[in-house]
Amino acid sequence: THLHSQGMHAEELIVKAPGMGTRWVT
């Protein structure tokens, strides 16, 4: 098996919410 990643393009395919790290639930 062979696995790779490239996080620099994370926001090219994304669901941002609920995103606890960037927005408070309240």
mmCIF file of all heavy atoms, coordinates in Angstrom:
data_MODEL
# 
_entry.id   MODEL 
# 
loop_
_atom_site.group_PDB 
_atom_site.id 
_atom_site.type_symbol 
_atom_site.label_atom_id 
_atom_site.label_alt_id 
_atom_site.label_comp_id 
_atom_site.label_asym_id 
_atom_site.label_entity_id 
_atom_site.label_seq_id 
_atom_site.pdbx_PDB_ins_code 
_atom_site.Cartn_x 
_atom_site.Cartn_y 
_atom_site.Cartn_z 
_atom_site.occupancy 
_atom_site.B_iso_or_equiv 
_atom_site.pdbx_formal_charge 
_atom_site.auth_seq_id 
_atom_site.auth_comp_id 
_atom_site.auth_asym_id 
_atom_site.auth_atom_id 
_atom_site.pdbx_PDB_model_num 
ATOM 1   N N   . THR A 1 1  ? 0.859   -1.183 0.000  1.00 0.00 ? 1  THR A N   1 
ATOM 2   C CA  . THR A 1 1  ? 0.000   0.000  0.000  1.00 0.00 ? 1  THR A CA  1 
ATOM 3   C C   . THR A 1 1  ? 0.896   1.235  0.000  1.00 0.00 ? 1  THR A C   1 
ATOM 4   O O   . THR A 1 1  ? 2.011   1.210  0.519  1.00 0.00 ? 1  THR A O   1 
ATOM 5   C CB  . THR A 1 1  ? -0.917  0.036  1.242  1.00 0.00 ? 1  THR A CB  1 
ATOM 6   O OG1 . THR A 1 1  ? -0.117  0.093  2.425  1.00 0.00 ? 1  THR A OG1 1 
ATOM 7   C CG2 . THR A 1 1  ? -1.812  -1.196 1.294  1.00 0.00 ? 1  THR A CG2 1 
ATOM 8   N N   . HIS A 1 2  ? 0.378   2.325  -0.579 1.00 0.00 ? 2  HIS A N   1 
ATOM 9   C CA  . HIS A 1 2  ? 1.183   3.526  -0.770 1.00 0.00 ? 2  HIS A CA  1 
ATOM 10  C C   . HIS A 1 2  ? 0.326   4.753  -0.491 1.00 0.00 ? 2  HIS A C   1 
ATOM 11  O O   . HIS A 1 2  ? -0.715  4.940  -1.134 1.00 0.00 ? 2  HIS A O   1 
ATOM 12  C CB  . HIS A 1 2  ? 1.742   3.559  -2.200 1.00 0.00 ? 2  HIS A CB  1 
ATOM 13  C CG  . HIS A 1 2  ? 2.427   2.275  -2.568 1.00 0.00 ? 2  HIS A CG  1 
ATOM 14  N ND1 . HIS A 1 2  ? 3.769   2.060  -2.357 1.00 0.00 ? 2  HIS A ND1 1 
ATOM 15  C CD2 . HIS A 1 2  ? 1.919   1.122  -3.079 1.00 0.00 ? 2  HIS A CD2 1 
ATOM 16  C CE1 . HIS A 1 2  ? 4.077   0.822  -2.743 1.00 0.00 ? 2  HIS A CE1 1 
ATOM 17  N NE2 . HIS A 1 2  ? 2.978   0.244  -3.191 1.00 0.00 ? 2  HIS A NE2 1 
ATOM 18  N N   . LEU A 1 3  ? 0.752   5.582  0.459  1.00 0.00 ? 3  LEU A N   1 
ATOM 19  C CA  . LEU A 1 3  ? -0.057  6.694  0.930  1.00 0.00 ? 3  LEU A CA  1 
ATOM 20  C C   . LEU A 1 3  ? 0.695   8.020  0.832  1.00 0.00 ? 3  LEU A C   1 
ATOM 21  O O   . LEU A 1 3  ? 1.895   8.073  1.117  1.00 0.00 ? 3  LEU A O   1 
ATOM 22  C CB  . LEU A 1 3  ? -0.462  6.469  2.392  1.00 0.00 ? 3  LEU A CB  1 
ATOM 23  C CG  . LEU A 1 3  ? -1.106  5.117  2.731  1.00 0.00 ? 3  LEU A CG  1 
ATOM 24  C CD1 . LEU A 1 3  ? -1.341  5.014  4.228  1.00 0.00 ? 3  LEU A CD1 1 
ATOM 25  C CD2 . LEU A 1 3  ? -2.394  4.905  1.955  1.00 0.00 ? 3  LEU A CD2 1 
ATOM 26  N N   . HIS A 1 4  ? -0.043  9.089  0.455  1.00 0.00 ? 4  HIS A N   1 
ATOM 27  C CA  . HIS A 1 4  ? 0.577   10.410 0.309  1.00 0.00 ? 4  HIS A CA  1 
ATOM 28  C C   . HIS A 1 4  ? -0.412  11.503 0.712  1.00 0.00 ? 4  HIS A C   1 
ATOM 29  O O   . HIS A 1 4  ? -1.629  11.287 0.730  1.00 0.00 ? 4  HIS A O   1 
ATOM 30  C CB  . HIS A 1 4  ? 1.004   10.648 -1.147 1.00 0.00 ? 4  HIS A CB  1 
ATOM 31  C CG  . HIS A 1 4  ? 2.048   9.692  -1.628 1.00 0.00 ? 4  HIS A CG  1 
ATOM 32  N ND1 . HIS A 1 4  ? 3.390   9.876  -1.396 1.00 0.00 ? 4  HIS A ND1 1 
ATOM 33  C CD2 . HIS A 1 4  ? 1.928   8.527  -2.322 1.00 0.00 ? 4  HIS A CD2 1 
ATOM 34  C CE1 . HIS A 1 4  ? 4.065   8.869  -1.935 1.00 0.00 ? 4  HIS A CE1 1 
ATOM 35  N NE2 . HIS A 1 4  ? 3.206   8.045  -2.505 1.00 0.00 ? 4  HIS A NE2 1 
ATOM 36  N N   . SER A 1 5  ? 0.136   12.699 0.993  1.00 0.00 ? 5  SER A N   1 
ATOM 37  C CA  . SER A 1 5  ? -0.722  13.856 1.276  1.00 0.00 ? 5  SER A CA  1 
ATOM 38  C C   . SER A 1 5  ? -0.019  15.138 0.867  1.00 0.00 ? 5  SER A C   1 
ATOM 39  O O   . SER A 1 5  ? 1.213   15.181 0.721  1.00 0.00 ? 5  SER A O   1 
ATOM 40  C CB  . SER A 1 5  ? -1.075  13.924 2.763  1.00 0.00 ? 5  SER A CB  1 
ATOM 41  O OG  . SER A 1 5  ? 0.059   14.271 3.540  1.00 0.00 ? 5  SER A OG  1 
ATOM 42  N N   . GLN A 1 6  ? -0.817  16.200 0.679  1.00 0.00 ? 6  GLN A N   1 
ATOM 43  C CA  . GLN A 1 6  ? -0.289  17.524 0.328  1.00 0.00 ? 6  GLN A CA  1 
ATOM 44  C C   . GLN A 1 6  ? -1.243  18.570 0.888  1.00 0.00 ? 6  GLN A C   1 
ATOM 45  O O   . GLN A 1 6  ? -2.139  19.063 0.209  1.00 0.00 ? 6  GLN A O   1 
ATOM 46  C CB  . GLN A 1 6  ? -0.144  17.659 -1.193 1.00 0.00 ? 6  GLN A CB  1 
ATOM 47  C CG  . GLN A 1 6  ? 0.635   18.897 -1.624 1.00 0.00 ? 6  GLN A CG  1 
ATOM 48  C CD  . GLN A 1 6  ? 0.831   18.948 -3.128 1.00 0.00 ? 6  GLN A CD  1 
ATOM 49  O OE1 . GLN A 1 6  ? 0.074   18.356 -3.901 1.00 0.00 ? 6  GLN A OE1 1 
ATOM 50  N NE2 . GLN A 1 6  ? 1.864   19.652 -3.549 1.00 0.00 ? 6  GLN A NE2 1 
ATOM 51  N N   . GLY A 1 7  ? -1.009  18.925 2.156  1.00 0.00 ? 7  GLY A N   1 
ATOM 52  C CA  . GLY A 1 7  ? -1.940  19.795 2.875  1.00 0.00 ? 7  GLY A CA  1 
ATOM 53  C C   . GLY A 1 7  ? -2.004  21.217 2.367  1.00 0.00 ? 7  GLY A C   1 
ATOM 54  O O   . GLY A 1 7  ? -2.943  21.948 2.704  1.00 0.00 ? 7  GLY A O   1 
ATOM 55  N N   . MET A 1 8  ? -1.057  21.639 1.535  1.00 0.00 ? 8  MET A N   1 
ATOM 56  C CA  . MET A 1 8  ? -1.088  23.009 1.028  1.00 0.00 ? 8  MET A CA  1 
ATOM 57  C C   . MET A 1 8  ? -2.331  23.280 0.174  1.00 0.00 ? 8  MET A C   1 
ATOM 58  O O   . MET A 1 8  ? -2.715  24.431 -0.026 1.00 0.00 ? 8  MET A O   1 
ATOM 59  C CB  . MET A 1 8  ? 0.174   23.309 0.213  1.00 0.00 ? 8  MET A CB  1 
ATOM 60  C CG  . MET A 1 8  ? 0.312   22.526 -1.069 1.00 0.00 ? 8  MET A CG  1 
ATOM 61  S SD  . MET A 1 8  ? 1.866   22.864 -1.957 1.00 0.00 ? 8  MET A SD  1 
ATOM 62  C CE  . MET A 1 8  ? 1.577   24.560 -2.492 1.00 0.00 ? 8  MET A CE  1 
ATOM 63  N N   . HIS A 1 9  ? -2.970  22.209 -0.286 1.00 0.00 ? 9  HIS A N   1 
ATOM 64  C CA  . HIS A 1 9  ? -4.170  22.380 -1.114 1.00 0.00 ? 9  HIS A CA  1 
ATOM 65  C C   . HIS A 1 9  ? -5.453  22.015 -0.357 1.00 0.00 ? 9  HIS A C   1 
ATOM 66  O O   . HIS A 1 9  ? -6.491  21.733 -0.979 1.00 0.00 ? 9  HIS A O   1 
ATOM 67  C CB  . HIS A 1 9  ? -4.067  21.512 -2.372 1.00 0.00 ? 9  HIS A CB  1 
ATOM 68  C CG  . HIS A 1 9  ? -2.901  21.871 -3.251 1.00 0.00 ? 9  HIS A CG  1 
ATOM 69  N ND1 . HIS A 1 9  ? -2.627  23.171 -3.610 1.00 0.00 ? 9  HIS A ND1 1 
ATOM 70  C CD2 . HIS A 1 9  ? -1.953  21.095 -3.845 1.00 0.00 ? 9  HIS A CD2 1 
ATOM 71  C CE1 . HIS A 1 9  ? -1.551  23.187 -4.387 1.00 0.00 ? 9  HIS A CE1 1 
ATOM 72  N NE2 . HIS A 1 9  ? -1.123  21.954 -4.537 1.00 0.00 ? 9  HIS A NE2 1 
ATOM 73  N N   . ALA A 1 10 ? -5.388  22.009 0.970  1.00 0.00 ? 10 ALA A N   1 
ATOM 74  C CA  . ALA A 1 10 ? -6.521  21.570 1.783  1.00 0.00 ? 10 ALA A CA  1 
ATOM 75  C C   . ALA A 1 10 ? -7.817  22.323 1.467  1.00 0.00 ? 10 ALA A C   1 
ATOM 76  O O   . ALA A 1 10 ? -8.900  21.732 1.441  1.00 0.00 ? 10 ALA A O   1 
ATOM 77  C CB  . ALA A 1 10 ? -6.189  21.723 3.268  1.00 0.00 ? 10 ALA A CB  1 
ATOM 78  N N   . GLU A 1 11 ? -7.734  23.620 1.189  1.00 0.00 ? 11 GLU A N   1 
ATOM 79  C CA  . GLU A 1 11 ? -8.958  24.407 1.021  1.00 0.00 ? 11 GLU A CA  1 
ATOM 80  C C   . GLU A 1 11 ? -9.491  24.397 -0.407 1.00 0.00 ? 11 GLU A C   1 
ATOM 81  O O   . GLU A 1 11 ? -10.463 25.097 -0.705 1.00 0.00 ? 11 GLU A O   1 
ATOM 82  C CB  . GLU A 1 11 ? -8.713  25.838 1.498  1.00 0.00 ? 11 GLU A CB  1 
ATOM 83  C CG  . GLU A 1 11 ? -8.446  25.907 2.993  1.00 0.00 ? 11 GLU A CG  1 
ATOM 84  C CD  . GLU A 1 11 ? -8.553  27.311 3.558  1.00 0.00 ? 11 GLU A CD  1 
ATOM 85  O OE1 . GLU A 1 11 ? -8.874  28.231 2.782  1.00 0.00 ? 11 GLU A OE1 1 
ATOM 86  O OE2 . GLU A 1 11 ? -8.324  27.470 4.767  1.00 0.00 ? 11 GLU A OE2 1 
ATOM 87  N N   . GLU A 1 12 ? -8.893  23.583 -1.275 1.00 0.00 ? 12 GLU A N   1 
ATOM 88  C CA  . GLU A 1 12 ? -9.416  23.451 -2.644 1.00 0.00 ? 12 GLU A CA  1 
ATOM 89  C C   . GLU A 1 12 ? -10.595 22.474 -2.701 1.00 0.00 ? 12 GLU A C   1 
ATOM 90  O O   . GLU A 1 12 ? -11.340 22.446 -3.669 1.00 0.00 ? 12 GLU A O   1 
ATOM 91  C CB  . GLU A 1 12 ? -8.310  22.982 -3.598 1.00 0.00 ? 12 GLU A CB  1 
ATOM 92  C CG  . GLU A 1 12 ? -7.095  23.874 -3.650 1.00 0.00 ? 12 GLU A CG  1 
ATOM 93  C CD  . GLU A 1 12 ? -7.395  25.273 -4.163 1.00 0.00 ? 12 GLU A CD  1 
ATOM 94  O OE1 . GLU A 1 12 ? -8.462  25.476 -4.783 1.00 0.00 ? 12 GLU A OE1 1 
ATOM 95  O OE2 . GLU A 1 12 ? -6.564  26.181 -3.941 1.00 0.00 ? 12 GLU A OE2 1 
ATOM 96  N N   . LEU A 1 13 ? -10.750 21.662 -1.654 1.00 0.00 ? 13 LEU A N   1 
ATOM 97  C CA  . LEU A 1 13 ? -11.869 20.718 -1.557 1.00 0.00 ? 13 LEU A CA  1 
ATOM 98  C C   . LEU A 1 13 ? -12.150 20.564 -0.072 1.00 0.00 ? 13 LEU A C   1 
ATOM 99  O O   . LEU A 1 13 ? -11.434 19.856 0.636  1.00 0.00 ? 13 LEU A O   1 
ATOM 100 C CB  . LEU A 1 13 ? -11.499 19.380 -2.211 1.00 0.00 ? 13 LEU A CB  1 
ATOM 101 C CG  . LEU A 1 13 ? -12.543 18.261 -2.196 1.00 0.00 ? 13 LEU A CG  1 
ATOM 102 C CD1 . LEU A 1 13 ? -13.897 18.746 -2.691 1.00 0.00 ? 13 LEU A CD1 1 
ATOM 103 C CD2 . LEU A 1 13 ? -12.044 17.080 -3.032 1.00 0.00 ? 13 LEU A CD2 1 
ATOM 104 N N   . ILE A 1 14 ? -13.205 21.219 0.400  1.00 0.00 ? 14 ILE A N   1 
ATOM 105 C CA  . ILE A 1 14 ? -13.333 21.402 1.851  1.00 0.00 ? 14 ILE A CA  1 
ATOM 106 C C   . ILE A 1 14 ? -14.778 21.647 2.277  1.00 0.00 ? 14 ILE A C   1 
ATOM 107 O O   . ILE A 1 14 ? -15.588 22.174 1.515  1.00 0.00 ? 14 ILE A O   1 
ATOM 108 C CB  . ILE A 1 14 ? -12.452 22.612 2.292  1.00 0.00 ? 14 ILE A CB  1 
ATOM 109 C CG1 . ILE A 1 14 ? -12.318 22.703 3.803  1.00 0.00 ? 14 ILE A CG1 1 
ATOM 110 C CG2 . ILE A 1 14 ? -12.984 23.910 1.692  1.00 0.00 ? 14 ILE A CG2 1 
ATOM 111 C CD1 . ILE A 1 14 ? -11.314 23.751 4.261  1.00 0.00 ? 14 ILE A CD1 1 
ATOM 112 N N   . VAL A 1 15 ? -15.088 21.239 3.504  1.00 0.00 ? 15 VAL A N   1 
ATOM 113 C CA  . VAL A 1 15 ? -16.260 21.725 4.237  1.00 0.00 ? 15 VAL A CA  1 
ATOM 114 C C   . VAL A 1 15 ? -15.708 22.396 5.485  1.00 0.00 ? 15 VAL A C   1 
ATOM 115 O O   . VAL A 1 15 ? -15.107 21.737 6.334  1.00 0.00 ? 15 VAL A O   1 
ATOM 116 C CB  . VAL A 1 15 ? -17.223 20.585 4.628  1.00 0.00 ? 15 VAL A CB  1 
ATOM 117 C CG1 . VAL A 1 15 ? -18.333 21.123 5.531  1.00 0.00 ? 15 VAL A CG1 1 
ATOM 118 C CG2 . VAL A 1 15 ? -17.837 19.948 3.387  1.00 0.00 ? 15 VAL A CG2 1 
ATOM 119 N N   . LYS A 1 16 ? -15.870 23.693 5.605  1.00 0.00 ? 16 LYS A N   1 
ATOM 120 C CA  . LYS A 1 16 ? -15.224 24.451 6.679  1.00 0.00 ? 16 LYS A CA  1 
ATOM 121 C C   . LYS A 1 16 ? -15.929 24.326 8.026  1.00 0.00 ? 16 LYS A C   1 
ATOM 122 O O   . LYS A 1 16 ? -15.293 24.362 9.074  1.00 0.00 ? 16 LYS A O   1 
ATOM 123 C CB  . LYS A 1 16 ? -15.123 25.929 6.291  1.00 0.00 ? 16 LYS A CB  1 
ATOM 124 C CG  . LYS A 1 16 ? -14.118 26.193 5.176  1.00 0.00 ? 16 LYS A CG  1 
ATOM 125 C CD  . LYS A 1 16 ? -13.917 27.686 4.976  1.00 0.00 ? 16 LYS A CD  1 
ATOM 126 C CE  . LYS A 1 16 ? -12.832 27.952 3.935  1.00 0.00 ? 16 LYS A CE  1 
ATOM 127 N NZ  . LYS A 1 16 ? -12.583 29.399 3.749  1.00 0.00 ? 16 LYS A NZ  1 
ATOM 128 N N   . ALA A 1 17 ? -17.237 24.228 8.030  1.00 0.00 ? 17 ALA A N   1 
ATOM 129 C CA  . ALA A 1 17 ? -17.972 24.204 9.296  1.00 0.00 ? 17 ALA A CA  1 
ATOM 130 C C   . ALA A 1 17 ? -18.249 22.765 9.724  1.00 0.00 ? 17 ALA A C   1 
ATOM 131 O O   . ALA A 1 17 ? -18.310 21.875 8.877  1.00 0.00 ? 17 ALA A O   1 
ATOM 132 C CB  . ALA A 1 17 ? -19.290 24.960 9.138  1.00 0.00 ? 17 ALA A CB  1 
ATOM 133 N N   . PRO A 1 18 ? -18.418 22.469 11.018 1.00 0.00 ? 18 PRO A N   1 
ATOM 134 C CA  . PRO A 1 18 ? -18.443 23.434 12.108 1.00 0.00 ? 18 PRO A CA  1 
ATOM 135 C C   . PRO A 1 18 ? -17.069 23.921 12.553 1.00 0.00 ? 18 PRO A C   1 
ATOM 136 O O   . PRO A 1 18 ? -16.990 24.893 13.307 1.00 0.00 ? 18 PRO A O   1 
ATOM 137 C CB  . PRO A 1 18 ? -19.140 22.683 13.241 1.00 0.00 ? 18 PRO A CB  1 
ATOM 138 C CG  . PRO A 1 18 ? -18.853 21.260 12.976 1.00 0.00 ? 18 PRO A CG  1 
ATOM 139 C CD  . PRO A 1 18 ? -18.799 21.127 11.477 1.00 0.00 ? 18 PRO A CD  1 
ATOM 140 N N   . GLY A 1 19 ? -15.995 23.295 12.148 1.00 0.00 ? 19 GLY A N   1 
ATOM 141 C CA  . GLY A 1 19 ? -14.653 23.808 12.362 1.00 0.00 ? 19 GLY A CA  1 
ATOM 142 C C   . GLY A 1 19 ? -14.381 24.348 13.751 1.00 0.00 ? 19 GLY A C   1 
ATOM 143 O O   . GLY A 1 19 ? -14.257 25.558 13.939 1.00 0.00 ? 19 GLY A O   1 
ATOM 144 N N   . MET A 1 20 ? -14.302 23.468 14.727 1.00 0.00 ? 20 MET A N   1 
ATOM 145 C CA  . MET A 1 20 ? -14.129 23.892 16.120 1.00 0.00 ? 20 MET A CA  1 
ATOM 146 C C   . MET A 1 20 ? -12.865 24.736 16.322 1.00 0.00 ? 20 MET A C   1 
ATOM 147 O O   . MET A 1 20 ? -12.782 25.534 17.247 1.00 0.00 ? 20 MET A O   1 
ATOM 148 C CB  . MET A 1 20 ? -14.045 22.656 17.039 1.00 0.00 ? 20 MET A CB  1 
ATOM 149 C CG  . MET A 1 20 ? -15.279 21.786 17.008 1.00 0.00 ? 20 MET A CG  1 
ATOM 150 S SD  . MET A 1 20 ? -16.735 22.616 17.654 1.00 0.00 ? 20 MET A SD  1 
ATOM 151 C CE  . MET A 1 20 ? -17.864 21.247 17.796 1.00 0.00 ? 20 MET A CE  1 
ATOM 152 N N   . GLY A 1 21 ? -11.866 24.549 15.467 1.00 0.00 ? 21 GLY A N   1 
ATOM 153 C CA  . GLY A 1 21 ? -10.618 25.284 15.643 1.00 0.00 ? 21 GLY A CA  1 
ATOM 154 C C   . GLY A 1 21 ? -10.684 26.732 15.206 1.00 0.00 ? 21 GLY A C   1 
ATOM 155 O O   . GLY A 1 21 ? -9.823  27.539 15.566 1.00 0.00 ? 21 GLY A O   1 
ATOM 156 N N   . THR A 1 22 ? -11.698 27.078 14.425 1.00 0.00 ? 22 THR A N   1 
ATOM 157 C CA  . THR A 1 22 ? -11.780 28.441 13.886 1.00 0.00 ? 22 THR A CA  1 
ATOM 158 C C   . THR A 1 22 ? -13.035 29.197 14.318 1.00 0.00 ? 22 THR A C   1 
ATOM 159 O O   . THR A 1 22 ? -13.078 30.417 14.222 1.00 0.00 ? 22 THR A O   1 
ATOM 160 C CB  . THR A 1 22 ? -11.749 28.404 12.341 1.00 0.00 ? 22 THR A CB  1 
ATOM 161 O OG1 . THR A 1 22 ? -12.819 27.559 11.860 1.00 0.00 ? 22 THR A OG1 1 
ATOM 162 C CG2 . THR A 1 22 ? -10.420 27.841 11.843 1.00 0.00 ? 22 THR A CG2 1 
ATOM 163 N N   . ARG A 1 23 ? -14.052 28.489 14.785 1.00 0.00 ? 23 ARG A N   1 
ATOM 164 C CA  . ARG A 1 23 ? -15.288 29.160 15.191 1.00 0.00 ? 23 ARG A CA  1 
ATOM 165 C C   . ARG A 1 23 ? -15.812 28.528 16.480 1.00 0.00 ? 23 ARG A C   1 
ATOM 166 O O   . ARG A 1 23 ? -15.827 27.311 16.618 1.00 0.00 ? 23 ARG A O   1 
ATOM 167 C CB  . ARG A 1 23 ? -16.359 29.038 14.100 1.00 0.00 ? 23 ARG A CB  1 
ATOM 168 C CG  . ARG A 1 23 ? -15.959 29.637 12.765 1.00 0.00 ? 23 ARG A CG  1 
ATOM 169 C CD  . ARG A 1 23 ? -16.996 29.324 11.699 1.00 0.00 ? 23 ARG A CD  1 
ATOM 170 N NE  . ARG A 1 23 ? -18.238 30.048 11.901 1.00 0.00 ? 23 ARG A NE  1 
ATOM 171 C CZ  . ARG A 1 23 ? -19.357 29.780 11.221 1.00 0.00 ? 23 ARG A CZ  1 
ATOM 172 N NH1 . ARG A 1 23 ? -19.381 28.816 10.327 1.00 0.00 ? 23 ARG A NH1 1 
ATOM 173 N NH2 . ARG A 1 23 ? -20.443 30.485 11.431 1.00 0.00 ? 23 ARG A NH2 1 
ATOM 174 N N   . TRP A 1 24 ? -16.286 29.372 17.395 1.00 0.00 ? 24 TRP A N   1 
ATOM 175 C CA  . TRP A 1 24 ? -16.908 28.865 18.613 1.00 0.00 ? 24 TRP A CA  1 
ATOM 176 C C   . TRP A 1 24 ? -18.326 28.391 18.292 1.00 0.00 ? 24 TRP A C   1 
ATOM 177 O O   . TRP A 1 24 ? -19.044 29.019 17.514 1.00 0.00 ? 24 TRP A O   1 
ATOM 178 C CB  . TRP A 1 24 ? -16.974 29.961 19.676 1.00 0.00 ? 24 TRP A CB  1 
ATOM 179 C CG  . TRP A 1 24 ? -15.632 30.394 20.176 1.00 0.00 ? 24 TRP A CG  1 
ATOM 180 C CD1 . TRP A 1 24 ? -14.902 31.461 19.760 1.00 0.00 ? 24 TRP A CD1 1 
ATOM 181 C CD2 . TRP A 1 24 ? -14.855 29.737 21.167 1.00 0.00 ? 24 TRP A CD2 1 
ATOM 182 N NE1 . TRP A 1 24 ? -13.712 31.533 20.432 1.00 0.00 ? 24 TRP A NE1 1 
ATOM 183 C CE2 . TRP A 1 24 ? -13.648 30.481 21.318 1.00 0.00 ? 24 TRP A CE2 1 
ATOM 184 C CE3 . TRP A 1 24 ? -15.040 28.601 21.968 1.00 0.00 ? 24 TRP A CE3 1 
ATOM 185 C CZ2 . TRP A 1 24 ? -12.654 30.111 22.224 1.00 0.00 ? 24 TRP A CZ2 1 
ATOM 186 C CZ3 . TRP A 1 24 ? -14.042 28.244 22.873 1.00 0.00 ? 24 TRP A CZ3 1 
ATOM 187 C CH2 . TRP A 1 24 ? -12.879 28.998 22.987 1.00 0.00 ? 24 TRP A CH2 1 
ATOM 188 N N   . VAL A 1 25 ? -18.735 27.307 18.897 1.00 0.00 ? 25 VAL A N   1 
ATOM 189 C CA  . VAL A 1 25 ? -20.096 26.797 18.690 1.00 0.00 ? 25 VAL A CA  1 
ATOM 190 C C   . VAL A 1 25 ? -21.124 27.844 19.105 1.00 0.00 ? 25 VAL A C   1 
ATOM 191 O O   . VAL A 1 25 ? -22.147 28.034 18.441 1.00 0.00 ? 25 VAL A O   1 
ATOM 192 C CB  . VAL A 1 25 ? -20.306 25.495 19.490 1.00 0.00 ? 25 VAL A CB  1 
ATOM 193 C CG1 . VAL A 1 25 ? -21.772 25.071 19.424 1.00 0.00 ? 25 VAL A CG1 1 
ATOM 194 C CG2 . VAL A 1 25 ? -19.428 24.383 18.948 1.00 0.00 ? 25 VAL A CG2 1 
ATOM 195 N N   . THR A 1 26 ? -20.866 28.534 20.181 1.00 0.00 ? 26 THR A N   1 
ATOM 196 C CA  . THR A 1 26 ? -21.808 29.568 20.640 1.00 0.00 ? 26 THR A CA  1 
ATOM 197 C C   . THR A 1 26 ? -21.973 30.672 19.597 1.00 0.00 ? 26 THR A C   1 
ATOM 198 O O   . THR A 1 26 ? -23.069 31.221 19.427 1.00 0.00 ? 26 THR A O   1 
ATOM 199 C CB  . THR A 1 26 ? -21.323 30.171 21.964 1.00 0.00 ? 26 THR A CB  1 
ATOM 200 O OG1 . THR A 1 26 ? -19.930 30.523 21.838 1.00 0.00 ? 26 THR A OG1 1 
ATOM 201 C CG2 . THR A 1 26 ? -21.477 29.184 23.106 1.00 0.00 ? 26 THR A CG2 1 
# 
